[in-house]
Amino acid sequence: MKINKIAILGGGNLGFSIAKGLLKLSEYSANDIVISEIRPLRVEVLKKSGIKVVENNNLKAIEGAGLIIVSVKPQQIAEVLNEIKPAIDPAKQILMSTVTGVSIDEIEKLAGKTGIVRIMPNTAIEIKESMTCITCRNISSEQENTILELFNKLGKAILINEDLMGAATVIGACGIAFALRFMRAMSQGGIEIGFPADVSQNITAQTILGATRLILDSGDHPEKEIDKVTTPMGVTISGLNEMEHQGFSSAIIKGLITSYNKLDTVKQKK
């Protein structure tokens, strides 16, 4: 079942990425997706990309939309939901939120009793390669399947318990930045040992893509694939051991935990 019109309230990086990803699907055209945005400079950026934009009018944006995606900062969600609450039709519309740290209970208090979905995608959704975690309330199994089908077309999507949404934010959404920072470091190392910057970046990116595909396609634990590359007294194990001596794995785990703990601060600022 196709959702005919999708309204995205908030044209920031994530809302924009979602819109671009949706427009790469064959079943959606520019007339099916609309973004509501209040910042004039951002409106111009969105318009130049060819996306349909409604300036500073959330009520107009959600007219006839089967799916309303709220993609704003946590401190803005109350204002947005209070504005659109009288216009939401629970029989025809599903309310979806990408907002960090705002629970379904809080959304329901603001928006009333309606179908509510929390999602945590990442910016790779614009190239249909997102990992999207989803939790739902007050929607039918058919609607749930429609949501899953839609986001599986934009990468991979799974249903999770809502109490894991914070963890999903850190490993799935923040994780894009963590992975890119590793790529930058590996690419810079490649420059130091002899490659031009563009060549080093391409080798790094393709190598990481290959590693990712190995895990996704085989389902193997990463260490199993690592063992295939590490030989006794070899080059690879020497490098890995030096990275671990410098705190490589520990730094990543500590970074994840620090980001996770930061979610409490985000909640307090709402």
C-alpha atoms as a PDB file:
ATOM      1  CA  MET A   1       0.000   0.000   0.000  1.00  0.00           C
ATOM      2  CA  LYS A   2       1.453   3.358  -1.049  1.00  0.00           C
ATOM      3  CA  ILE A   3       1.199   6.458   1.129  1.00  0.00           C
ATOM      4  CA  ASN A   4       0.075   8.993  -1.444  1.00  0.00           C
ATOM      5  CA  LYS A   5       1.362  12.248   0.046  1.00  0.00           C
ATOM      6  CA  ILE A   6       4.106  12.755   2.616  1.00  0.00           C
ATOM      7  CA  ALA A   7       4.555  16.027   4.500  1.00  0.00           C
ATOM      8  CA  ILE A   8       7.869  16.706   6.232  1.00  0.00           C
ATOM      9  CA  LEU A   9       7.748  19.422   8.862  1.00  0.00           C
ATOM     10  CA  GLY A  10      11.289  20.746   9.104  1.00  0.00           C
ATOM     11  CA  GLY A  11      13.755  21.112   6.249  1.00  0.00           C
ATOM     12  CA  GLY A  12      16.986  20.596   8.170  1.00  0.00           C
ATOM     13  CA  ASN A  13      19.618  18.051   7.189  1.00  0.00           C
ATOM     14  CA  LEU A  14      17.598  14.976   8.161  1.00  0.00           C
ATOM     15  CA  GLY A  15      14.247  16.177   6.805  1.00  0.00           C
ATOM     16  CA  PHE A  16      15.951  17.177   3.557  1.00  0.00           C
ATOM     17  CA  SER A  17      17.720  13.803   3.346  1.00  0.00           C
ATOM     18  CA  ILE A  18      14.422  11.939   3.832  1.00  0.00           C
ATOM     19  CA  ALA A  19      12.799  13.968   1.065  1.00  0.00           C
ATOM     20  CA  LYS A  20      15.689  13.327  -1.341  1.00  0.00           C
ATOM     21  CA  GLY A  21      15.558   9.613  -0.602  1.00  0.00           C
ATOM     22  CA  LEU A  22      11.807   9.417  -1.155  1.00  0.00           C
ATOM     23  CA  LEU A  23      12.147  11.180  -4.499  1.00  0.00           C
ATOM     24  CA  LYS A  24      14.593   8.483  -5.626  1.00  0.00           C
ATOM     25  CA  LEU A  25      11.802   5.886  -5.287  1.00  0.00           C
ATOM     26  CA  SER A  26       9.924   5.214  -8.509  1.00  0.00           C
ATOM     27  CA  GLU A  27       6.507   5.570  -6.877  1.00  0.00           C
ATOM     28  CA  TYR A  28       7.044   9.152  -5.699  1.00  0.00           C
ATOM     29  CA  SER A  29       7.264  12.366  -7.670  1.00  0.00           C
ATOM     30  CA  ALA A  30       7.894  15.975  -6.644  1.00  0.00           C
ATOM     31  CA  ASN A  31       4.145  16.453  -6.210  1.00  0.00           C
ATOM     32  CA  ASP A  32       3.939  13.692  -3.589  1.00  0.00           C
ATOM     33  CA  ILE A  33       6.480  15.164  -1.152  1.00  0.00           C
ATOM     34  CA  VAL A  34       6.262  18.544   0.574  1.00  0.00           C
ATOM     35  CA  ILE A  35       8.551  20.149   3.147  1.00  0.00           C
ATOM     36  CA  SER A  36       7.421  22.889   5.513  1.00  0.00           C
ATOM     37  CA  GLU A  37      10.240  25.224   6.570  1.00  0.00           C
ATOM     38  CA  ILE A  38      10.320  28.572   8.404  1.00  0.00           C
ATOM     39  CA  ARG A  39      13.876  29.800   7.668  1.00  0.00           C
ATOM     40  CA  PRO A  40      13.932  31.907   4.465  1.00  0.00           C
ATOM     41  CA  LEU A  41      17.504  30.982   3.522  1.00  0.00           C
ATOM     42  CA  ARG A  42      16.760  27.295   4.008  1.00  0.00           C
ATOM     43  CA  VAL A  43      13.589  27.621   1.937  1.00  0.00           C
ATOM     44  CA  GLU A  44      15.699  28.886  -0.968  1.00  0.00           C
ATOM     45  CA  VAL A  45      18.100  25.940  -0.648  1.00  0.00           C
ATOM     46  CA  LEU A  46      15.214  23.469  -0.647  1.00  0.00           C
ATOM     47  CA  LYS A  47      13.514  25.102  -3.630  1.00  0.00           C
ATOM     48  CA  LYS A  48      16.721  25.018  -5.671  1.00  0.00           C
ATOM     49  CA  SER A  49      16.854  21.250  -5.159  1.00  0.00           C
ATOM     50  CA  GLY A  50      13.471  20.898  -6.863  1.00  0.00           C
ATOM     51  CA  ILE A  51      11.591  19.831  -3.726  1.00  0.00           C
ATOM     52  CA  LYS A  52       8.115  21.228  -3.137  1.00  0.00           C
ATOM     53  CA  VAL A  53       8.291  23.684  -0.223  1.00  0.00           C
ATOM     54  CA  VAL A  54       5.668  25.403   1.889  1.00  0.00           C
ATOM     55  CA  GLU A  55       7.081  28.400   3.743  1.00  0.00           C
ATOM     56  CA  ASN A  56       6.092  28.788   7.387  1.00  0.00           C
ATOM     57  CA  ASN A  57       2.733  27.000   7.056  1.00  0.00           C
ATOM     58  CA  ASN A  58       2.593  23.536   8.620  1.00  0.00           C
ATOM     59  CA  LEU A  59      -1.195  23.353   8.336  1.00  0.00           C
ATOM     60  CA  LYS A  60      -1.070  23.830   4.576  1.00  0.00           C
ATOM     61  CA  ALA A  61       1.734  21.282   4.279  1.00  0.00           C
ATOM     62  CA  ILE A  62      -0.204  18.487   5.994  1.00  0.00           C
ATOM     63  CA  GLU A  63      -3.400  18.921   3.950  1.00  0.00           C
ATOM     64  CA  GLY A  64      -4.146  15.570   2.306  1.00  0.00           C
ATOM     65  CA  ALA A  65      -0.967  13.961   3.628  1.00  0.00           C
ATOM     66  CA  GLY A  66      -1.196  10.314   4.645  1.00  0.00           C
ATOM     67  CA  LEU A  67       2.083  10.575   6.533  1.00  0.00           C
ATOM     68  CA  ILE A  68       3.241  13.588   8.551  1.00  0.00           C
ATOM     69  CA  ILE A  69       6.944  13.461   9.451  1.00  0.00           C
ATOM     70  CA  VAL A  70       7.969  15.882  12.189  1.00  0.00           C
ATOM     71  CA  SER A  71      11.694  16.512  11.834  1.00  0.00           C
ATOM     72  CA  VAL A  72      12.527  19.496  14.038  1.00  0.00           C
ATOM     73  CA  LYS A  73      14.694  20.189  17.086  1.00  0.00           C
ATOM     74  CA  PRO A  74      13.431  18.768  20.416  1.00  0.00           C
ATOM     75  CA  GLN A  75      12.661  22.251  21.760  1.00  0.00           C
ATOM     76  CA  GLN A  76      10.460  22.975  18.729  1.00  0.00           C
ATOM     77  CA  ILE A  77       8.236  19.900  18.691  1.00  0.00           C
ATOM     78  CA  ALA A  78       5.680  21.127  21.236  1.00  0.00           C
ATOM     79  CA  GLU A  79       4.966  24.260  19.203  1.00  0.00           C
ATOM     80  CA  VAL A  80       4.675  22.302  15.964  1.00  0.00           C
ATOM     81  CA  LEU A  81       2.358  19.634  17.386  1.00  0.00           C
ATOM     82  CA  ASN A  82       0.152  22.175  19.150  1.00  0.00           C
ATOM     83  CA  GLU A  83      -0.230  23.960  15.821  1.00  0.00           C
ATOM     84  CA  ILE A  84      -1.203  20.919  13.759  1.00  0.00           C
ATOM     85  CA  LYS A  85      -3.168  18.976  16.396  1.00  0.00           C
ATOM     86  CA  PRO A  86      -6.625  20.370  15.398  1.00  0.00           C
ATOM     87  CA  ALA A  87      -5.984  19.438  11.754  1.00  0.00           C
ATOM     88  CA  ILE A  88      -4.752  15.859  12.234  1.00  0.00           C
ATOM     89  CA  ASP A  89      -7.223  13.227  11.030  1.00  0.00           C
ATOM     90  CA  PRO A  90      -6.468  10.000  12.975  1.00  0.00           C
ATOM     91  CA  ALA A  91      -8.475   7.967  10.478  1.00  0.00           C
ATOM     92  CA  LYS A  92      -6.408   9.089   7.497  1.00  0.00           C
ATOM     93  CA  GLN A  93      -3.066  10.294   8.795  1.00  0.00           C
ATOM     94  CA  ILE A  94      -0.089   8.785  10.607  1.00  0.00           C
ATOM     95  CA  LEU A  95       2.106  11.066  12.683  1.00  0.00           C
ATOM     96  CA  MET A  96       5.805  10.231  12.536  1.00  0.00           C
ATOM     97  CA  SER A  97       8.671  11.777  14.491  1.00  0.00           C
ATOM     98  CA  THR A  98      12.423  11.792  13.983  1.00  0.00           C
ATOM     99  CA  VAL A  99      12.911  14.024  17.027  1.00  0.00           C
ATOM    100  CA  THR A 100      15.608  12.868  19.428  1.00  0.00           C
ATOM    101  CA  GLY A 101      14.599  12.213  23.023  1.00  0.00           C
ATOM    102  CA  VAL A 102      10.842  12.823  22.649  1.00  0.00           C
ATOM    103  CA  SER A 103       8.831   9.734  23.587  1.00  0.00           C
ATOM    104  CA  ILE A 104       5.577   8.523  22.086  1.00  0.00           C
ATOM    105  CA  ASP A 105       3.874   9.313  25.399  1.00  0.00           C
ATOM    106  CA  GLU A 106       5.027  12.934  25.113  1.00  0.00           C
ATOM    107  CA  ILE A 107       3.975  13.122  21.476  1.00  0.00           C
ATOM    108  CA  GLU A 108       0.548  11.705  22.316  1.00  0.00           C
ATOM    109  CA  LYS A 109       0.042  14.275  25.086  1.00  0.00           C
ATOM    110  CA  LEU A 110       0.756  17.051  22.600  1.00  0.00           C
ATOM    111  CA  ALA A 111      -0.940  15.665  19.481  1.00  0.00           C
ATOM    112  CA  GLY A 112      -3.772  13.609  20.932  1.00  0.00           C
ATOM    113  CA  LYS A 113      -4.762   9.999  20.310  1.00  0.00           C
ATOM    114  CA  THR A 114      -3.610   9.144  16.811  1.00  0.00           C
ATOM    115  CA  GLY A 115      -1.327   6.724  15.029  1.00  0.00           C
ATOM    116  CA  ILE A 116       2.216   7.595  16.100  1.00  0.00           C
ATOM    117  CA  VAL A 117       5.527   6.275  14.779  1.00  0.00           C
ATOM    118  CA  ARG A 118       9.008   7.165  15.996  1.00  0.00           C
ATOM    119  CA  ILE A 119      11.810   6.567  13.540  1.00  0.00           C
ATOM    120  CA  MET A 120      15.550   7.004  13.767  1.00  0.00           C
ATOM    121  CA  PRO A 121      17.097   6.962  10.284  1.00  0.00           C
ATOM    122  CA  ASN A 122      20.420   8.459   9.308  1.00  0.00           C
ATOM    123  CA  THR A 123      21.456  10.855   6.570  1.00  0.00           C
ATOM    124  CA  ALA A 124      22.352   7.981   4.225  1.00  0.00           C
ATOM    125  CA  ILE A 125      18.597   7.787   3.664  1.00  0.00           C
ATOM    126  CA  GLU A 126      19.104  10.288   0.834  1.00  0.00           C
ATOM    127  CA  ILE A 127      20.941   7.593  -1.148  1.00  0.00           C
ATOM    128  CA  LYS A 128      18.580   4.812   0.039  1.00  0.00           C
ATOM    129  CA  GLU A 129      21.175   3.319   2.391  1.00  0.00           C
ATOM    130  CA  SER A 130      19.834   4.285   5.822  1.00  0.00           C
ATOM    131  CA  MET A 131      19.586   2.057   8.841  1.00  0.00           C
ATOM    132  CA  THR A 132      16.173   3.043  10.199  1.00  0.00           C
ATOM    133  CA  CYS A 133      14.880   1.906  13.583  1.00  0.00           C
ATOM    134  CA  ILE A 134      11.117   2.146  14.073  1.00  0.00           C
ATOM    135  CA  THR A 135       8.653   1.925  16.944  1.00  0.00           C
ATOM    136  CA  CYS A 136       4.879   2.327  16.581  1.00  0.00           C
ATOM    137  CA  ARG A 137       1.693   2.915  18.542  1.00  0.00           C
ATOM    138  CA  ASN A 138      -2.003   2.995  17.626  1.00  0.00           C
ATOM    139  CA  ILE A 139      -1.528   1.832  14.050  1.00  0.00           C
ATOM    140  CA  SER A 140      -2.793  -1.303  12.344  1.00  0.00           C
ATOM    141  CA  SER A 141      -0.582  -4.193  11.308  1.00  0.00           C
ATOM    142  CA  GLU A 142      -1.221  -3.192   7.687  1.00  0.00           C
ATOM    143  CA  GLN A 143      -0.018   0.349   8.375  1.00  0.00           C
ATOM    144  CA  GLU A 144       3.007  -0.993  10.246  1.00  0.00           C
ATOM    145  CA  ASN A 145       3.899  -3.185   7.282  1.00  0.00           C
ATOM    146  CA  THR A 146       3.499  -0.201   4.934  1.00  0.00           C
ATOM    147  CA  ILE A 147       5.906   1.857   7.048  1.00  0.00           C
ATOM    148  CA  LEU A 148       8.433  -0.985   7.173  1.00  0.00           C
ATOM    149  CA  GLU A 149       8.147  -1.572   3.433  1.00  0.00           C
ATOM    150  CA  LEU A 150       8.689   2.127   2.728  1.00  0.00           C
ATOM    151  CA  PHE A 151      11.809   2.449   4.855  1.00  0.00           C
ATOM    152  CA  ASN A 152      13.242  -0.851   3.665  1.00  0.00           C
ATOM    153  CA  LYS A 153      13.242   0.737   0.218  1.00  0.00           C
ATOM    154  CA  LEU A 154      15.358   3.517   1.724  1.00  0.00           C
ATOM    155  CA  GLY A 155      17.949   1.128   3.160  1.00  0.00           C
ATOM    156  CA  LYS A 156      17.208  -1.304   5.974  1.00  0.00           C
ATOM    157  CA  ALA A 157      14.455  -0.933   8.574  1.00  0.00           C
ATOM    158  CA  ILE A 158      13.702  -2.819  11.780  1.00  0.00           C
ATOM    159  CA  LEU A 159      11.110  -2.596  14.532  1.00  0.00           C
ATOM    160  CA  ILE A 160      12.532  -2.019  18.012  1.00  0.00           C
ATOM    161  CA  ASN A 161      11.161  -1.400  21.492  1.00  0.00           C
ATOM    162  CA  GLU A 162      10.925   2.290  22.257  1.00  0.00           C
ATOM    163  CA  ASP A 163      13.302   2.016  25.213  1.00  0.00           C
ATOM    164  CA  LEU A 164      16.054   1.243  22.671  1.00  0.00           C
ATOM    165  CA  MET A 165      15.425   4.355  20.592  1.00  0.00           C
ATOM    166  CA  GLY A 166      18.169   6.273  22.397  1.00  0.00           C
ATOM    167  CA  ALA A 167      20.660   3.536  21.644  1.00  0.00           C
ATOM    168  CA  ALA A 168      19.451   3.490  18.031  1.00  0.00           C
ATOM    169  CA  THR A 169      20.092   7.234  17.827  1.00  0.00           C
ATOM    170  CA  VAL A 170      23.698   6.817  18.930  1.00  0.00           C
ATOM    171  CA  ILE A 171      24.733   3.762  16.913  1.00  0.00           C
ATOM    172  CA  GLY A 172      22.550   4.332  13.834  1.00  0.00           C
ATOM    173  CA  ALA A 173      22.363   8.113  13.430  1.00  0.00           C
ATOM    174  CA  CYS A 174      25.450   9.425  15.243  1.00  0.00           C
ATOM    175  CA  GLY A 175      27.233   6.342  13.936  1.00  0.00           C
ATOM    176  CA  ILE A 176      27.400   7.876  10.448  1.00  0.00           C
ATOM    177  CA  ALA A 177      29.677  10.594  11.840  1.00  0.00           C
ATOM    178  CA  PHE A 178      31.743   8.080  13.810  1.00  0.00           C
ATOM    179  CA  ALA A 179      32.294   5.936  10.710  1.00  0.00           C
ATOM    180  CA  LEU A 180      33.162   8.974   8.595  1.00  0.00           C
ATOM    181  CA  ARG A 181      35.687  10.154  11.164  1.00  0.00           C
ATOM    182  CA  PHE A 182      37.371   6.736  10.958  1.00  0.00           C
ATOM    183  CA  MET A 183      37.371   7.050   7.163  1.00  0.00           C
ATOM    184  CA  ARG A 184      38.999  10.457   7.404  1.00  0.00           C
ATOM    185  CA  ALA A 185      41.727   9.122   9.694  1.00  0.00           C
ATOM    186  CA  MET A 186      42.393   6.129   7.440  1.00  0.00           C
ATOM    187  CA  SER A 187      42.516   8.369   4.387  1.00  0.00           C
ATOM    188  CA  GLN A 188      44.931  10.767   6.090  1.00  0.00           C
ATOM    189  CA  GLY A 189      47.133   7.831   7.020  1.00  0.00           C
ATOM    190  CA  GLY A 190      47.096   6.785   3.384  1.00  0.00           C
ATOM    191  CA  ILE A 191      48.393  10.219   2.400  1.00  0.00           C
ATOM    192  CA  GLU A 192      51.220   9.941   4.903  1.00  0.00           C
ATOM    193  CA  ILE A 193      52.371   6.625   3.469  1.00  0.00           C
ATOM    194  CA  GLY A 194      52.371   7.841  -0.109  1.00  0.00           C
ATOM    195  CA  PHE A 195      48.988   8.232  -1.821  1.00  0.00           C
ATOM    196  CA  PRO A 196      47.535  11.487  -3.180  1.00  0.00           C
ATOM    197  CA  ALA A 197      44.528  12.646  -1.118  1.00  0.00           C
ATOM    198  CA  ASP A 198      41.859  11.747  -3.690  1.00  0.00           C
ATOM    199  CA  VAL A 199      43.328   8.292  -4.340  1.00  0.00           C
ATOM    200  CA  SER A 200      43.665   7.565  -0.633  1.00  0.00           C
ATOM    201  CA  GLN A 201      40.047   8.589  -0.045  1.00  0.00           C
ATOM    202  CA  ASN A 202      38.761   6.356  -2.848  1.00  0.00           C
ATOM    203  CA  ILE A 203      40.745   3.348  -1.643  1.00  0.00           C
ATOM    204  CA  THR A 204      39.529   3.941   1.924  1.00  0.00           C
ATOM    205  CA  ALA A 205      35.874   4.322   0.930  1.00  0.00           C
ATOM    206  CA  GLN A 206      35.811   1.222  -1.263  1.00  0.00           C
ATOM    207  CA  THR A 207      37.660  -0.822   1.367  1.00  0.00           C
ATOM    208  CA  ILE A 208      35.114   0.136   4.029  1.00  0.00           C
ATOM    209  CA  LEU A 209      32.254  -0.571   1.615  1.00  0.00           C
ATOM    210  CA  GLY A 210      33.736  -4.031   1.002  1.00  0.00           C
ATOM    211  CA  ALA A 211      34.075  -4.682   4.735  1.00  0.00           C
ATOM    212  CA  THR A 212      30.469  -3.646   5.254  1.00  0.00           C
ATOM    213  CA  ARG A 213      29.209  -5.925   2.501  1.00  0.00           C
ATOM    214  CA  LEU A 214      31.173  -8.864   3.936  1.00  0.00           C
ATOM    215  CA  ILE A 215      29.340  -8.537   7.242  1.00  0.00           C
ATOM    216  CA  LEU A 216      25.901  -7.802   5.793  1.00  0.00           C
ATOM    217  CA  ASP A 217      26.042 -10.585   3.211  1.00  0.00           C
ATOM    218  CA  SER A 218      27.672 -13.265   5.368  1.00  0.00           C
ATOM    219  CA  GLY A 219      26.235 -12.399   8.783  1.00  0.00           C
ATOM    220  CA  ASP A 220      29.628 -13.290  10.237  1.00  0.00           C
ATOM    221  CA  HIS A 221      31.051 -11.676  13.347  1.00  0.00           C
ATOM    222  CA  PRO A 222      33.664  -9.057  12.321  1.00  0.00           C
ATOM    223  CA  GLU A 223      36.412 -11.018  14.100  1.00  0.00           C
ATOM    224  CA  LYS A 224      35.839 -13.968  11.774  1.00  0.00           C
ATOM    225  CA  GLU A 225      36.574 -11.787   8.772  1.00  0.00           C
ATOM    226  CA  ILE A 226      39.504 -10.149  10.586  1.00  0.00           C
ATOM    227  CA  ASP A 227      41.024 -13.604  11.185  1.00  0.00           C
ATOM    228  CA  LYS A 228      41.098 -14.166   7.414  1.00  0.00           C
ATOM    229  CA  VAL A 229      43.385 -11.149   7.001  1.00  0.00           C
ATOM    230  CA  THR A 230      45.679 -11.583   9.994  1.00  0.00           C
ATOM    231  CA  THR A 231      48.593 -13.994   9.589  1.00  0.00           C
ATOM    232  CA  PRO A 232      51.197 -14.846  12.251  1.00  0.00           C
ATOM    233  CA  MET A 233      53.782 -12.052  12.586  1.00  0.00           C
ATOM    234  CA  GLY A 234      52.044 -10.297   9.695  1.00  0.00           C
ATOM    235  CA  VAL A 235      51.512  -6.682   8.717  1.00  0.00           C
ATOM    236  CA  THR A 236      47.798  -6.572   9.581  1.00  0.00           C
ATOM    237  CA  ILE A 237      48.031  -7.928  13.119  1.00  0.00           C
ATOM    238  CA  SER A 238      50.899  -5.553  13.876  1.00  0.00           C
ATOM    239  CA  GLY A 239      48.792  -2.584  12.846  1.00  0.00           C
ATOM    240  CA  LEU A 240      45.706  -3.814  14.711  1.00  0.00           C
ATOM    241  CA  ASN A 241      47.642  -4.413  17.901  1.00  0.00           C
ATOM    242  CA  GLU A 242      49.198  -0.950  17.771  1.00  0.00           C
ATOM    243  CA  MET A 243      45.744   0.603  17.294  1.00  0.00           C
ATOM    244  CA  GLU A 244      44.463  -1.315  20.317  1.00  0.00           C
ATOM    245  CA  HIS A 245      47.487  -0.251  22.383  1.00  0.00           C
ATOM    246  CA  GLN A 246      46.514   3.328  21.534  1.00  0.00           C
ATOM    247  CA  GLY A 247      42.953   2.732  22.754  1.00  0.00           C
ATOM    248  CA  PHE A 248      41.161   2.256  19.414  1.00  0.00           C
ATOM    249  CA  SER A 249      38.235   0.043  20.499  1.00  0.00           C
ATOM    250  CA  SER A 250      38.058   1.642  23.925  1.00  0.00           C
ATOM    251  CA  ALA A 251      37.808   5.142  22.416  1.00  0.00           C
ATOM    252  CA  ILE A 252      34.940   4.102  20.140  1.00  0.00           C
ATOM    253  CA  ILE A 253      32.993   2.453  22.970  1.00  0.00           C
ATOM    254  CA  LYS A 254      33.569   5.433  25.269  1.00  0.00           C
ATOM    255  CA  GLY A 255      32.429   7.773  22.502  1.00  0.00           C
ATOM    256  CA  LEU A 256      29.202   5.817  22.049  1.00  0.00           C
ATOM    257  CA  ILE A 257      28.519   5.851  25.790  1.00  0.00           C
ATOM    258  CA  THR A 258      29.262   9.584  26.017  1.00  0.00           C
ATOM    259  CA  SER A 259      26.800  10.304  23.203  1.00  0.00           C
ATOM    260  CA  TYR A 260      24.202   8.066  24.841  1.00  0.00           C
ATOM    261  CA  ASN A 261      24.563   9.866  28.177  1.00  0.00           C
ATOM    262  CA  LYS A 262      24.252  13.204  26.361  1.00  0.00           C
ATOM    263  CA  LEU A 263      20.685  12.267  25.428  1.00  0.00           C
ATOM    264  CA  ASP A 264      19.627  13.098  29.006  1.00  0.00           C
ATOM    265  CA  THR A 265      20.885  16.652  28.481  1.00  0.00           C
ATOM    266  CA  VAL A 266      18.918  16.914  25.239  1.00  0.00           C
ATOM    267  CA  LYS A 267      15.748  15.834  27.056  1.00  0.00           C
ATOM    268  CA  GLN A 268      16.265  18.468  29.764  1.00  0.00           C
ATOM    269  CA  LYS A 269      16.497  21.237  27.161  1.00  0.00           C
ATOM    270  CA  LYS A 270      13.098  20.490  25.601  1.00  0.00           C
END
